[in-house]
Protein backbone atom coordinates (compact mmCIF):
# COMPACT_ATOMS: atom_id res chain seq x y z
CA MET A 1 -16.85 18.65 -3.22
CA TYR A 2 -17.87 19.66 -6.65
CA GLU A 3 -15.98 22.63 -7.15
CA LEU A 4 -12.49 21.21 -5.68
CA LEU A 5 -13.13 17.90 -7.86
CA VAL A 6 -13.66 20.70 -10.65
CA ARG A 7 -10.31 22.55 -10.08
CA PHE A 8 -8.29 19.41 -9.02
CA ASP A 9 -5.01 18.98 -10.39
CA PRO A 10 -3.51 15.21 -10.48
CA HIS A 11 0.33 16.85 -10.95
CA GLY A 12 0.43 18.05 -7.45
CA LEU A 13 -0.15 14.29 -6.08
CA HIS A 14 1.61 12.70 -8.33
CA ASP A 15 4.89 15.52 -7.54
CA ALA A 16 4.24 14.24 -4.00
CA ALA A 17 4.69 10.80 -4.96
CA LYS A 18 7.84 10.96 -6.88
CA ALA A 19 9.46 12.83 -3.92
CA TRP A 20 8.43 9.66 -1.98
CA THR A 21 9.96 7.94 -4.42
CA ALA A 22 13.15 9.57 -4.48
CA LEU A 23 13.42 9.47 -0.74
CA GLY A 24 13.30 5.73 -0.96
CA HIS A 25 15.84 5.62 -3.73
CA ALA A 26 18.00 7.48 -1.56
CA ALA A 27 17.32 5.12 1.12
CA GLU A 28 18.32 2.32 -1.08
CA SER A 29 21.19 3.91 -2.33
CA ILE A 30 22.56 4.49 1.25
CA GLY A 31 21.96 1.02 2.55
CA GLN A 32 24.05 -0.61 -0.23
CA ARG A 33 26.94 1.75 0.12
CA HIS A 34 26.34 1.14 3.74
CA ARG A 35 26.55 -2.49 3.24
CA SER A 36 29.33 -2.79 0.33
CA GLN A 37 31.79 -0.13 1.94
CA VAL A 38 30.95 -0.33 5.75
CA ASN A 39 28.98 -3.24 7.19
CA GLY A 40 30.31 -5.93 4.68
CA PRO A 41 34.10 -5.18 5.08
CA LEU A 42 33.95 -4.49 9.02
CA CYS A 43 31.35 -7.72 9.57
CA GLY A 44 34.51 -10.43 8.53
CA ASN A 45 37.29 -8.46 9.98
CA TRP A 46 36.04 -6.84 13.28
CA GLU A 47 36.02 -9.24 16.52
CA GLY A 48 35.35 -8.71 19.99
CA ASP A 49 32.23 -7.56 22.59
CA ASP A 50 32.25 -4.07 21.10
CA ALA A 51 32.71 -5.10 17.26
CA LYS A 52 29.61 -7.47 18.20
CA ALA A 53 27.88 -4.48 19.60
CA ALA A 54 28.54 -2.47 17.00
CA LEU A 55 27.87 -4.73 14.06
CA GLU A 56 24.26 -5.19 15.60
CA TYR A 57 23.73 -1.38 15.59
CA MET A 58 25.11 -1.10 12.29
CA ALA A 59 22.49 -3.67 11.00
CA LYS A 60 19.76 -2.27 12.80
CA THR A 61 20.89 0.69 10.53
CA GLU A 62 20.32 -0.45 7.48
CA GLN A 63 17.09 -2.10 8.74
CA GLN A 64 15.73 1.34 9.80
CA LEU A 65 16.90 2.54 5.88
CA ASN A 66 14.79 -0.77 4.39
CA VAL A 67 11.39 0.54 6.70
CA VAL A 68 12.43 3.90 5.41
CA LYS A 69 12.15 2.07 1.65
CA MET A 70 9.01 0.53 2.38
CA GLU A 71 7.24 3.01 3.74
CA SER A 72 8.26 5.79 0.61
CA ASP A 73 7.06 3.23 -1.73
CA THR A 74 4.20 3.09 0.30
CA ALA A 75 3.54 6.40 0.34
CA ALA A 76 4.21 7.04 -3.59
CA LEU A 77 2.18 4.29 -4.43
CA VAL A 78 -0.89 5.37 -2.38
CA LEU A 79 -0.50 9.21 -3.56
CA ASN A 80 -0.36 8.05 -7.34
CA THR A 81 -3.50 5.48 -7.10
CA VAL A 82 -5.54 8.30 -5.11
CA ALA A 83 -4.17 10.67 -7.75
CA ASP A 84 -5.24 8.79 -10.65
CA ARG A 85 -8.31 8.03 -9.10
CA MET A 86 -9.36 11.65 -8.58
CA HIS A 87 -8.39 12.46 -12.05
CA GLN A 88 -10.46 9.54 -13.19
CA ALA A 89 -13.57 10.77 -11.15
CA GLN A 90 -12.75 14.36 -12.17
CA THR A 91 -12.83 12.99 -15.88
CA ASN A 92 -16.37 11.54 -15.19
CA LEU A 93 -17.53 14.46 -13.85
CA THR A 94 -16.53 16.86 -16.49
CA ASN A 95 -18.18 14.35 -19.23
CA ALA A 96 -21.33 14.29 -17.09
CA VAL A 97 -21.64 17.90 -16.83
CA LYS A 98 -20.62 18.58 -20.45
CA ARG A 99 -23.59 15.67 -21.65
CA ALA A 100 -25.78 17.87 -19.43
CA VAL A 101 -25.35 21.37 -20.44
CA ASP A 102 -25.35 19.65 -24.37
CA ALA A 103 -29.07 18.45 -23.83
CA GLY A 104 -29.60 21.83 -22.76
CA LEU A 105 -30.02 21.14 -18.55
CA THR A 106 -28.54 23.48 -16.12
CA VAL A 107 -25.85 22.51 -13.60
CA ALA A 108 -25.12 24.60 -10.66
CA SER A 109 -21.56 25.35 -9.33
CA ASP A 110 -22.72 22.65 -6.53
CA GLY A 111 -23.41 20.19 -9.02
CA VAL A 112 -26.89 20.62 -8.89
CA VAL A 113 -28.79 19.39 -12.23
CA SER A 114 -31.95 21.35 -13.13
CA LEU A 115 -34.11 22.35 -15.97
CA PRO A 116 -33.58 25.66 -17.82
CA PRO A 117 -36.05 28.32 -17.18
CA ALA A 118 -39.53 27.87 -19.46
CA ASP A 119 -39.98 29.93 -22.26
CA ARG A 120 -42.65 32.47 -22.69
CA GLY A 121 -44.52 30.48 -25.17
CA GLU A 122 -43.89 27.32 -24.11
CA ALA A 123 -47.07 26.60 -22.09
CA ASN A 124 -49.23 26.96 -25.23
CA ASP A 125 -46.96 24.66 -27.45
CA PRO A 126 -47.31 20.85 -26.71
CA GLU A 127 -44.38 19.85 -28.30
CA ALA A 128 -42.02 22.09 -26.38
CA GLN A 129 -43.86 20.84 -23.16
CA LYS A 130 -43.08 17.20 -24.52
CA ALA A 131 -39.46 17.58 -24.96
CA ARG A 132 -39.28 19.59 -21.52
CA GLN A 133 -41.05 16.59 -20.21
CA GLN A 134 -38.27 14.38 -22.02
CA LEU A 135 -35.42 16.08 -20.93
CA GLY A 136 -37.04 16.32 -17.16
CA SER A 137 -36.93 12.53 -17.26
CA GLU A 138 -33.39 12.45 -18.21
CA MET A 139 -32.21 15.00 -15.82
CA LYS A 140 -32.29 12.16 -13.06
CA GLY A 141 -29.38 10.20 -14.98
CA PHE A 142 -27.39 12.89 -15.58
CA GLN A 143 -27.61 13.87 -11.87
CA ASP A 144 -26.74 10.56 -10.90
CA TRP A 145 -23.84 10.61 -13.33
CA ILE A 146 -22.42 13.89 -11.38
CA ASN A 147 -23.10 12.22 -7.80
CA ASN A 148 -21.26 8.90 -8.57
CA ALA A 149 -18.21 10.99 -9.57
CA LEU A 150 -18.25 12.88 -6.91
CA LYS A 151 -18.96 10.12 -4.29
CA ASP A 152 -15.53 7.89 -6.27
CA ALA A 153 -13.52 11.36 -5.56
CA GLN A 154 -14.67 11.32 -2.13
CA ALA A 155 -14.06 7.23 -1.80
CA ALA A 156 -10.55 8.03 -2.97
CA SER A 157 -9.54 10.73 -0.70
CA ASP A 158 -10.77 9.11 2.13
CA GLN A 159 -9.03 5.59 1.33
CA GLY A 160 -6.16 7.44 0.72
CA ASN A 161 -5.98 9.28 4.31
CA THR A 162 -6.85 6.11 5.90
CA ALA A 163 -4.25 4.27 4.22
CA LEU A 164 -1.27 7.06 4.46
CA GLY A 165 -1.99 7.04 8.30
CA ARG A 166 -0.93 3.44 8.57
CA LEU A 167 2.29 4.74 7.81
CA SER A 168 4.81 5.59 11.16
CA SER A 169 5.59 8.78 11.78
CA ASN A 170 8.73 7.36 13.83
CA VAL A 171 10.14 5.86 10.98
CA LEU A 172 13.63 7.01 11.94
CA ASP A 173 13.12 5.75 15.73
CA PRO A 174 14.90 2.75 16.17
CA THR A 175 12.73 1.61 19.04
CA GLU A 176 9.93 2.03 16.28
CA ALA A 177 11.53 1.17 13.42
CA ASN A 178 10.69 -2.28 12.34
CA LEU A 179 10.07 -4.32 9.09
CA ALA A 180 7.56 -6.54 10.44
CA GLY A 181 5.29 -3.61 11.44
CA ALA A 182 6.26 -1.82 8.30
CA THR A 183 5.33 -4.79 6.11
CA ASN A 184 1.99 -4.98 7.71
CA ALA A 185 1.27 -1.52 7.69
CA ALA A 186 1.92 -1.12 3.77
CA ALA A 187 -0.45 -4.59 3.60
CA ALA A 188 -3.00 -2.81 5.16
CA ALA A 189 -2.81 0.61 3.21
CA MET A 190 -2.79 -1.80 -0.04
CA LYS A 191 -6.36 -3.32 1.56
CA ASP A 192 -7.15 0.14 2.26
CA LEU A 193 -7.06 0.96 -1.32
CA GLY A 194 -8.36 -2.02 -2.35
CA LEU A 195 -5.32 -3.27 -3.84
CA VAL A 196 -5.42 -6.64 -1.82
CA ASP A 197 -4.38 -9.12 -5.14
CA PRO A 198 -1.83 -7.77 -7.58
CA TYR A 199 -1.04 -9.66 -10.14
CA ILE A 200 2.21 -11.93 -9.60
CA PRO A 201 2.88 -14.86 -11.61
CA ASP A 202 2.29 -18.30 -9.91
CA GLY A 203 6.30 -18.82 -10.68
CA LYS A 204 5.46 -22.16 -12.60
CA ASP A 205 6.62 -20.83 -15.82
CA PRO A 206 9.60 -19.24 -15.29
CA GLU A 207 9.88 -18.20 -18.72
CA LYS A 208 6.35 -16.40 -18.00
CA SER A 209 8.11 -14.74 -14.73
CA ALA A 210 10.85 -13.53 -16.43
CA ALA A 211 8.56 -11.54 -19.33
CA TRP A 212 6.21 -10.38 -16.55
CA TRP A 213 9.08 -8.84 -14.81
CA LYS A 214 10.52 -7.39 -17.49
CA GLY A 215 7.32 -6.03 -18.60
CA LEU A 216 6.82 -4.11 -15.53
CA THR A 217 8.35 -0.39 -15.59
CA THR A 218 11.10 0.58 -12.91
CA GLU A 219 8.59 2.27 -10.48
CA GLN A 220 6.51 -0.75 -10.78
CA GLN A 221 9.48 -3.32 -10.26
CA GLU A 222 10.69 -1.42 -6.92
CA ALA A 223 7.20 -1.17 -5.74
CA TYR A 224 6.79 -5.44 -5.81
CA LEU A 225 9.86 -5.70 -4.33
CA ALA A 226 9.48 -3.45 -1.62
CA LEU A 227 5.72 -4.17 -0.95
CA HIS A 228 5.91 -8.00 -1.69
CA PRO A 229 9.43 -8.98 -1.18
CA LYS A 230 8.07 -12.77 -0.52
CA GLU A 231 6.52 -13.34 -3.93
CA ILE A 232 9.51 -11.81 -5.57
CA GLY A 233 11.80 -13.70 -4.37
CA LYS A 234 10.64 -17.24 -4.79
CA LEU A 235 10.24 -16.62 -8.71
CA ASP A 236 12.68 -18.52 -10.71
CA GLY A 237 13.39 -16.69 -13.88
CA LEU A 238 14.15 -13.48 -12.45
CA PRO A 239 17.86 -11.84 -12.01
CA ALA A 240 19.67 -12.90 -9.00
CA SER A 241 19.82 -9.55 -7.73
CA VAL A 242 16.09 -8.97 -7.62
CA ARG A 243 15.34 -12.17 -5.85
CA ASP A 244 18.66 -11.39 -3.39
CA GLU A 245 17.09 -7.97 -2.32
CA ALA A 246 13.99 -9.49 -2.00
CA ASN A 247 14.84 -12.54 0.14
CA ARG A 248 17.10 -10.14 2.02
CA LEU A 249 14.11 -8.26 3.14
CA VAL A 250 12.04 -11.26 3.89
CA LEU A 251 15.15 -12.82 6.09
CA ASP A 252 15.26 -9.17 8.00
CA GLU A 253 11.36 -9.49 8.45
CA LYS A 254 11.77 -13.01 9.68
CA LEU A 255 14.34 -12.30 12.06
CA ASP A 256 12.14 -9.57 13.44
CA ALA A 257 8.89 -11.62 13.87
CA TYR A 258 11.27 -14.51 15.54
CA ARG A 259 12.38 -12.09 18.01
CA THR A 260 9.96 -10.23 18.92
CA GLY A 261 7.65 -13.45 19.15
CA LYS A 262 7.77 -16.79 20.96
CA PRO A 263 8.13 -20.36 20.29
CA GLY A 264 4.27 -21.01 20.08
CA ASP A 265 3.85 -18.15 17.59
CA PHE A 266 5.63 -20.79 15.13
CA GLY A 267 4.07 -23.90 16.74
CA ILE A 268 8.07 -24.81 17.65
CA ASN A 269 9.43 -26.01 20.76
CA GLU A 270 12.21 -23.46 22.53
CA ASP A 271 15.19 -25.45 21.22
CA GLU A 272 13.81 -25.35 17.79
CA TYR A 273 13.00 -21.47 17.97
CA LYS A 274 16.66 -20.66 19.00
CA SER A 275 18.19 -22.94 16.35
CA ARG A 276 16.04 -20.80 13.95
CA ILE A 277 17.16 -17.19 15.15
CA ALA A 278 20.66 -18.34 15.58
CA ALA A 279 20.89 -19.56 11.75
CA MET A 280 19.19 -16.89 10.38
CA GLU A 281 21.40 -14.37 12.27
CA GLU A 282 24.72 -16.46 11.17
CA ILE A 283 22.73 -16.60 7.63
CA ARG A 284 22.65 -12.93 7.46
CA ARG A 285 26.29 -12.19 8.85
CA LYS A 286 27.76 -14.48 5.81
CA LEU A 287 25.48 -12.56 3.62
CA THR A 288 26.71 -9.13 5.07
CA ALA A 289 30.50 -10.46 5.79
CA SER A 290 30.16 -10.63 1.20
CA ASP A 291 29.25 -7.52 0.85
CA GLY A 292 32.06 -5.97 -0.16
CA ASN A 293 33.80 -8.29 -2.56
CA PRO A 294 33.67 -8.38 -5.94
CA GLU A 295 30.56 -9.91 -7.60
CA GLN A 296 32.12 -13.09 -8.23
CA HIS A 297 32.57 -13.45 -4.87
CA ARG A 298 29.59 -11.99 -3.33
CA MET A 299 26.88 -14.37 -1.65
CA PHE A 300 23.36 -13.96 -3.43
CA LEU A 301 20.12 -15.33 -1.17
CA LEU A 302 18.13 -16.50 -4.00
CA GLY A 303 15.52 -18.29 -1.45
CA ILE A 304 14.51 -18.08 2.26
CA ASP A 305 11.92 -19.53 4.26
CA PRO A 306 12.45 -20.39 8.10
CA ASP A 307 9.11 -21.57 8.64
CA VAL A 308 8.60 -24.49 6.82
CA HIS A 309 9.53 -27.66 8.08
CA ASN A 310 13.60 -28.24 8.03
CA GLY A 311 13.34 -24.79 6.51
CA ARG A 312 14.57 -23.40 2.92
CA ALA A 313 17.26 -21.79 1.34
CA ILE A 314 18.84 -20.93 -1.18
CA VAL A 315 22.46 -19.41 -1.65
CA SER A 316 24.90 -18.61 -4.21
CA THR A 317 28.50 -17.75 -3.96
CA GLY A 318 29.04 -15.26 -7.44
CA ASN A 319 26.19 -14.15 -9.44
CA PRO A 320 24.93 -17.15 -11.74
CA ASP A 321 23.26 -15.14 -14.30
CA THR A 322 26.67 -14.02 -15.31
CA SER A 323 29.27 -16.49 -14.57
CA GLN A 324 30.68 -18.58 -17.11
CA HIS A 325 30.70 -21.61 -15.02
CA THR A 326 27.82 -22.27 -12.40
CA ALA A 327 27.31 -25.24 -10.45
CA VAL A 328 23.95 -26.23 -8.29
CA PHE A 329 24.77 -28.55 -5.24
CA VAL A 330 21.43 -30.19 -3.62
CA PRO A 331 22.69 -31.40 -0.07
CA GLY A 332 21.25 -34.80 1.75
CA THR A 333 19.95 -36.16 4.49
CA GLY A 334 20.25 -34.22 7.83
CA THR A 335 20.77 -30.75 6.11
CA VAL A 336 18.27 -28.14 7.82
CA LEU A 337 18.46 -24.58 8.32
CA SER A 338 20.72 -24.48 10.95
CA GLY A 339 23.01 -26.34 8.54
CA VAL A 340 22.72 -23.22 5.83
CA PRO A 341 25.40 -21.30 7.42
CA GLY A 342 28.02 -24.57 6.82
CA GLN A 343 26.54 -24.71 3.71
CA MET A 344 27.83 -21.66 2.65
CA ASP A 345 31.15 -22.21 3.43
CA HIS A 346 30.67 -25.37 1.78
CA ILE A 347 30.00 -23.70 -1.51
CA ARG A 348 32.80 -21.41 -1.24
CA ARG A 349 35.34 -24.40 -1.13
CA LEU A 350 33.84 -25.73 -4.07
CA GLN A 351 33.99 -22.37 -5.64
CA LYS A 352 37.94 -22.19 -5.22
CA ALA A 353 38.57 -25.37 -6.47
CA ALA A 354 36.65 -24.55 -9.69
CA GLU A 355 38.48 -21.43 -9.77
CA ASP A 356 41.78 -23.33 -9.72
CA LYS A 357 40.96 -24.99 -12.72
CA ALA A 358 39.06 -22.51 -14.53
CA ASP A 359 41.70 -20.34 -16.40
CA ASP A 360 40.45 -17.08 -14.88
CA GLU A 361 36.69 -18.20 -16.03
CA THR A 362 34.06 -16.58 -13.49
CA VAL A 363 32.31 -19.64 -11.20
CA ALA A 364 29.37 -19.37 -9.28
CA VAL A 365 28.06 -21.90 -6.86
CA VAL A 366 24.37 -22.28 -5.81
CA SER A 367 23.59 -24.38 -2.56
CA TRP A 368 20.13 -25.65 -3.09
CA LEU A 369 18.02 -26.52 0.10
CA GLY A 370 15.07 -26.13 -1.60
CA TYR A 371 12.79 -29.34 -0.72
CA GLU A 372 12.21 -30.70 2.56
CA THR A 373 15.33 -33.45 3.33
CA PRO A 374 14.81 -36.56 5.07
CA GLU A 375 15.93 -36.95 8.90
CA TRP A 376 18.81 -39.48 10.32
CA GLY A 377 16.68 -41.47 12.68
CA ASP A 378 13.05 -41.73 11.25
CA ALA A 379 11.61 -43.64 8.47
CA SER A 380 11.80 -40.48 6.01
CA VAL A 381 15.17 -41.41 4.94
CA ALA A 382 13.63 -44.59 3.52
CA PHE A 383 11.15 -43.52 1.17
CA THR A 384 11.72 -41.34 -1.98
CA ASP A 385 8.35 -39.32 -1.43
CA ARG A 386 10.46 -36.13 -0.47
CA GLY A 387 12.41 -36.19 -2.90
CA ASP A 388 9.51 -36.86 -5.72
CA ALA A 389 7.77 -33.87 -3.91
CA GLY A 390 11.29 -31.20 -4.52
CA ALA A 391 12.10 -32.85 -8.12
CA PRO A 392 9.93 -30.12 -9.66
CA ASP A 393 11.59 -27.41 -7.96
CA LEU A 394 14.74 -28.31 -8.75
CA ARG A 395 13.79 -28.48 -12.32
CA ASN A 396 11.92 -25.29 -12.21
CA PHE A 397 14.93 -23.62 -10.75
CA THR A 398 17.31 -25.08 -13.01
CA LYS A 399 15.28 -23.77 -15.63
CA GLY A 400 14.96 -20.47 -14.07
CA LEU A 401 18.73 -20.10 -14.11
CA ARG A 402 19.15 -20.36 -17.93
CA VAL A 403 15.98 -17.91 -18.43
CA ALA A 404 17.84 -15.37 -15.94
CA GLU A 405 21.23 -15.60 -17.39
CA GLY A 406 19.67 -15.63 -21.02
CA GLY A 407 18.37 -11.88 -20.24
CA ASN A 408 21.95 -11.20 -19.72
CA GLY A 409 23.25 -12.67 -23.25
CA VAL A 410 24.86 -15.51 -21.01
CA CYS A 411 25.02 -19.23 -21.82
CA SER A 412 27.13 -20.79 -18.85
CA HIS A 413 28.15 -24.29 -18.24
CA LEU A 414 25.89 -26.17 -15.80
CA THR A 415 26.67 -28.52 -13.40
CA VAL A 416 23.74 -30.25 -11.06
CA MET A 417 25.41 -32.12 -8.23
CA ALA A 418 24.41 -33.59 -5.05
CA HIS A 419 24.93 -35.60 -2.10
CA SER A 420 23.56 -38.44 -0.80
CA TYR A 421 19.67 -38.14 -1.05
CA GLY A 422 19.76 -35.34 -2.71
CA THR A 423 21.21 -37.27 -5.45
CA TYR A 424 17.70 -39.25 -5.86
CA VAL A 425 16.40 -35.58 -6.18
CA VAL A 426 18.69 -34.75 -8.77
CA GLY A 427 17.61 -38.03 -10.35
CA ALA A 428 14.16 -37.61 -10.45
CA ALA A 429 14.09 -34.08 -11.64
CA ALA A 430 16.75 -35.23 -14.28
CA ARG A 431 14.42 -37.93 -15.20
CA ASP A 432 11.42 -36.21 -15.50
CA GLY A 433 12.30 -33.93 -18.07
CA GLY A 434 16.02 -32.90 -17.40
CA VAL A 435 17.62 -30.24 -14.99
CA ASN A 436 19.18 -28.47 -18.03
CA ALA A 437 21.91 -29.39 -17.15
CA ASP A 438 25.54 -29.90 -19.06
CA ASP A 439 27.07 -32.25 -16.66
CA ILE A 440 25.46 -33.78 -13.68
CA LEU A 441 27.68 -35.69 -10.57
CA ALA A 442 26.66 -37.24 -7.54
CA LEU A 443 28.57 -37.98 -4.52
CA GLY A 444 27.75 -40.79 -2.02
CA SER A 445 24.70 -41.73 -3.73
CA PRO A 446 22.18 -44.45 -2.56
CA GLY A 447 20.49 -44.37 -5.97
CA MET A 448 19.31 -41.76 -8.78
CA GLY A 449 16.06 -43.18 -9.18
CA VAL A 450 16.47 -44.91 -12.64
CA ASP A 451 18.25 -48.17 -13.87
CA LYS A 452 20.78 -46.07 -16.23
CA ALA A 453 22.43 -43.28 -16.64
CA SER A 454 20.98 -42.59 -20.04
CA GLU A 455 17.50 -41.83 -18.64
CA LEU A 456 18.77 -38.61 -16.80
CA ASN A 457 17.90 -37.02 -20.33
CA ILE A 458 21.93 -36.03 -21.06
CA ASP A 459 24.90 -37.85 -22.37
CA PRO A 460 25.84 -40.49 -20.08
CA LYS A 461 29.45 -39.39 -20.68
CA HIS A 462 28.71 -36.11 -19.01
CA VAL A 463 27.30 -38.36 -15.84
CA TRP A 464 29.67 -38.34 -12.84
CA VAL A 465 29.74 -40.50 -10.05
CA GLY A 466 32.15 -40.51 -6.86
CA THR A 467 32.07 -42.66 -3.95
CA ALA A 468 34.33 -43.49 -1.04
CA ARG A 469 35.51 -46.72 -0.47
CA ASP A 470 34.57 -46.83 3.19
CA ASP A 471 31.38 -44.87 2.44
CA PHE A 472 28.82 -46.57 3.97
CA ILE A 473 26.51 -46.04 1.39
CA ARG A 474 27.52 -49.00 -0.74
CA GLU A 475 26.31 -50.84 1.60
CA VAL A 476 22.74 -50.23 1.26
CA ALA A 477 22.68 -48.13 -2.53
CA GLY A 478 20.06 -49.74 -4.59
CA ASP A 479 17.72 -50.79 -1.83
CA LEU A 480 14.99 -48.22 -2.63
CA SER A 481 16.32 -45.67 -5.03
CA GLY A 482 17.27 -47.66 -8.04
CA PRO A 483 21.20 -49.30 -9.10
CA ALA A 484 23.70 -48.04 -7.43
CA PRO A 485 25.24 -45.38 -9.67
CA GLN A 486 28.75 -46.64 -9.47
CA ASN A 487 27.88 -50.12 -10.77
CA MET A 488 29.68 -50.71 -14.12
CA TYR A 489 26.13 -51.29 -15.53
CA PHE A 490 25.14 -48.12 -14.86
CA GLY A 491 26.75 -46.33 -17.57
CA ALA A 492 28.27 -43.08 -15.47
CA GLN A 493 31.52 -42.36 -15.48
CA ASN A 494 33.31 -43.11 -12.00
CA ILE A 495 35.41 -39.96 -10.83
CA ARG A 496 38.57 -40.79 -8.37
CA ILE A 497 37.97 -40.09 -4.75
CA ASP A 498 40.77 -40.48 -1.91
CA THR A 499 38.96 -39.03 0.65
CA SER A 500 37.17 -41.22 3.23
CA GLY A 501 33.45 -41.45 4.63
CA HIS A 502 30.34 -40.40 3.75
CA GLY A 503 30.69 -36.86 4.57
CA GLY A 504 34.72 -36.65 3.69
CA TYR A 505 33.86 -35.33 0.20
CA TRP A 506 35.02 -32.10 0.58
CA ASP A 507 38.37 -32.53 2.91
CA ALA A 508 41.31 -30.99 1.56
CA GLY A 509 43.57 -34.02 2.18
CA PRO A 510 46.99 -34.31 3.46
CA GLY A 511 48.28 -32.11 0.73
CA GLY A 512 46.09 -29.37 0.71
CA THR A 513 43.44 -30.10 -2.09
CA SER A 514 41.94 -33.87 -2.06
CA GLU A 515 41.65 -35.14 -5.66
CA SER A 516 37.95 -35.91 -4.34
CA LEU A 517 37.65 -32.04 -4.13
CA GLN A 518 39.77 -31.09 -7.33
CA ASN A 519 37.74 -33.65 -9.57
CA GLN A 520 34.55 -31.77 -8.80
CA GLY A 521 36.46 -28.36 -8.94
CA ARG A 522 37.11 -29.75 -12.54
CA ILE A 523 33.70 -30.87 -13.63
CA ILE A 524 32.07 -27.37 -12.39
CA ALA A 525 34.88 -25.60 -14.30
CA GLY A 526 33.73 -27.87 -17.42
CA ARG A 527 37.04 -29.67 -16.96
CA PRO A 528 37.81 -33.75 -17.57
CA PRO A 529 38.28 -35.06 -14.14
CA THR A 530 40.11 -38.15 -13.39
CA VAL A 531 38.11 -41.57 -13.68
CA LEU A 532 38.63 -44.74 -12.64
CA PRO A 533 37.29 -47.92 -14.14
CA ARG A 534 33.33 -48.71 -13.72
CA ILE A 535 33.24 -50.78 -10.44
CA PRO A 536 31.12 -54.03 -10.14
CA HIS A 537 29.02 -54.14 -7.20
């Protein structure tokens, strides 16, 4: 072992790591081309049983490529880590040997330290004997130094061997490759190397998260994305493209876990189990169908967590980092994971309405189901606790949008809009620190948690309220969540609404585009909507 460590050259392992990294890059590039040029275009335009079977097969192909990427990055990280540790052990060994030799000791070819042969006159020289005794007492320290270097090298080698053994030898076999298995293997490999808790920001400060991400090398960013997608996908302040890549991995992992599991594994009943799988499959289908579109009409998955109560998902149509106008829509009561595919259609309509008014300026619209919504039919809808709990997360998210777009040199016009109970979430977030918005729009609001629009940390002239004449919310507004926003004393501006009911604000109307929808488009695009006098209530 001693001679092997002396001759060790870390470049060999580093070169092997580069080869694995290159393979990961190739898999990622092929996967992206497959999504944008094959699966994406076909997904939205190919129908029938054969199409369904083929699309499922192609989705599995993309998953295999993700597995290749993840395992390649894991192999590269293992090899680089072992190379660095072995090189450090070699450096320690070299220093120990040099210091031992400089002190007058002998180091054999097997690393054993010994005293040099005694000189002929040493037996009659008390000073020489004393010096030899002193050297002998130091000999154990040098031997321990050498032995520790050898142990460290052996430990690094053993850990690397175990970690690499975690990876699949059948990664291209569709019956063997799965993201859940690859994720578990990567986590186990990291544990083998003692890399269980790499530093990742806690996500409480988007500016710190963004600075941390920018400070990583490209290789480090790729490793974090491949090995820690769940944590990276949650970080407000990171680029939308990065969060999308991470969260799509999370979505695929979750789908794998649910498809191979059973309801009891997730603490839910059979109906909820099937509902979550169906929702995730449809979210994935809609994401894939958008992949062949230009960036302004692509969908970005900015957050996903099907396991929490009601589920969480944050989806954008268009890239909010580069768009000139961005809207964040917060849904209200009864919106759960199974409703996210419908929300994806909903934000498409809002984007189209805004683009019609934006004079060729780019628009992105985000559906932010980032909090636990109350449910119809139980007491949760009558209390503000879920809105209060979600408000800080919304505030963090909108701050993160500003941070991420600033990294692109963009300062877009931002609208934060909501419906029903979601308007209370927006109100609470704005009241307690602001939501970084240029405009706030509340539709069918029961109350925003403030007495006046001026308490929302924004110019009241940019607080817009829309309430249909026959929306039942008029009868309950002001009971719990503060005064009704359409009340003239609230101080907001009432936009013209020509649609009907609590859920009709996005109906196209008889003429193809309702005034309700057009006014929302105008506000998102930074154009003045048609307004009504403030109505006493």
